[in-house]
Structures are given as structure tokens and as C-alpha cells.
Amino acid sequence: MKETRSVEKTVRDIRRHTRKKYPSEETIRIVLEGLRVVLN
């Protein structure tokens, strides 16, 4: 069981480090675009 937790933690850490980081302006643009699609 301990080995499974270690593997899960490693995968989580890799995903966290490889996640794309958007600048604030880009994040706001993406959110607004998504809301526009949902509300129309």
C-alpha cells in the first residue's frame, strides 16, 4: 500500500510541474470566453 501512495504522489508532482502556467490576462480571457459559450 505504501508503494501505491508513493507512485500516486510522484504522478501528482509530475503533473503539477508540467502544468501550463498562463499569465493573469490570458487566464481572464479564457474564463470569459468559456462563460460566453455557456451563456449563449
C-alpha atoms as a PDB file:
ATOM      1  CA  MET A   1       0.000   0.000   0.000  1.00  0.00           C
ATOM      2  CA  LYS A   2       2.831   2.385   0.824  1.00  0.00           C
ATOM      3  CA  GLU A   3       4.319   1.860  -2.648  1.00  0.00           C
ATOM      4  CA  THR A   4       0.990   2.817  -4.288  1.00  0.00           C
ATOM      5  CA  ARG A   5       0.857   6.083  -2.335  1.00  0.00           C
ATOM      6  CA  SER A   6       4.399   6.882  -3.395  1.00  0.00           C
ATOM      7  CA  VAL A   7       3.521   6.288  -7.053  1.00  0.00           C
ATOM      8  CA  GLU A   8       0.391   8.456  -6.788  1.00  0.00           C
ATOM      9  CA  LYS A   9       2.375  11.256  -5.162  1.00  0.00           C
ATOM     10  CA  THR A  10       5.045  11.063  -7.850  1.00  0.00           C
ATOM     11  CA  VAL A  11       2.443  11.255 -10.636  1.00  0.00           C
ATOM     12  CA  ARG A  12       0.758  14.204  -8.896  1.00  0.00           C
ATOM     13  CA  ASP A  13       4.082  16.022  -8.559  1.00  0.00           C
ATOM     14  CA  ILE A  14       4.940  15.448 -12.233  1.00  0.00           C
ATOM     15  CA  ARG A  15       1.536  16.762 -13.330  1.00  0.00           C
ATOM     16  CA  ARG A  16       1.940  19.793 -11.093  1.00  0.00           C
ATOM     17  CA  HIS A  17       5.355  20.620 -12.578  1.00  0.00           C
ATOM     18  CA  THR A  18       4.303  20.097 -16.196  1.00  0.00           C
ATOM     19  CA  ARG A  19       1.057  22.064 -15.926  1.00  0.00           C
ATOM     20  CA  LYS A  20       0.971  25.076 -18.241  1.00  0.00           C
ATOM     21  CA  LYS A  21       1.025  28.378 -16.398  1.00  0.00           C
ATOM     22  CA  TYR A  22      -0.931  31.168 -18.065  1.00  0.00           C
ATOM     23  CA  PRO A  23      -0.403  34.870 -17.384  1.00  0.00           C
ATOM     24  CA  SER A  24      -3.258  36.563 -15.482  1.00  0.00           C
ATOM     25  CA  GLU A  25      -4.595  38.325 -18.578  1.00  0.00           C
ATOM     26  CA  GLU A  26      -4.711  35.071 -20.528  1.00  0.00           C
ATOM     27  CA  THR A  27      -6.493  33.286 -17.667  1.00  0.00           C
ATOM     28  CA  ILE A  28      -9.165  36.006 -17.542  1.00  0.00           C
ATOM     29  CA  ARG A  29      -9.599  35.819 -21.321  1.00  0.00           C
ATOM     30  CA  ILE A  30     -10.026  32.025 -21.196  1.00  0.00           C
ATOM     31  CA  VAL A  31     -12.587  32.247 -18.371  1.00  0.00           C
ATOM     32  CA  LEU A  32     -14.583  34.983 -20.114  1.00  0.00           C
ATOM     33  CA  GLU A  33     -14.566  33.024 -23.372  1.00  0.00           C
ATOM     34  CA  GLY A  34     -15.855  29.950 -21.532  1.00  0.00           C
ATOM     35  CA  LEU A  35     -18.619  31.954 -19.859  1.00  0.00           C
ATOM     36  CA  ARG A  36     -19.608  33.456 -23.192  1.00  0.00           C
ATOM     37  CA  VAL A  37     -20.036  29.957 -24.641  1.00  0.00           C
ATOM     38  CA  VAL A  38     -22.062  28.733 -21.657  1.00  0.00           C
ATOM     39  CA  LEU A  39     -24.371  31.759 -21.541  1.00  0.00           C
ATOM     40  CA  ASN A  40     -25.142  31.803 -25.279  1.00  0.00           C
END
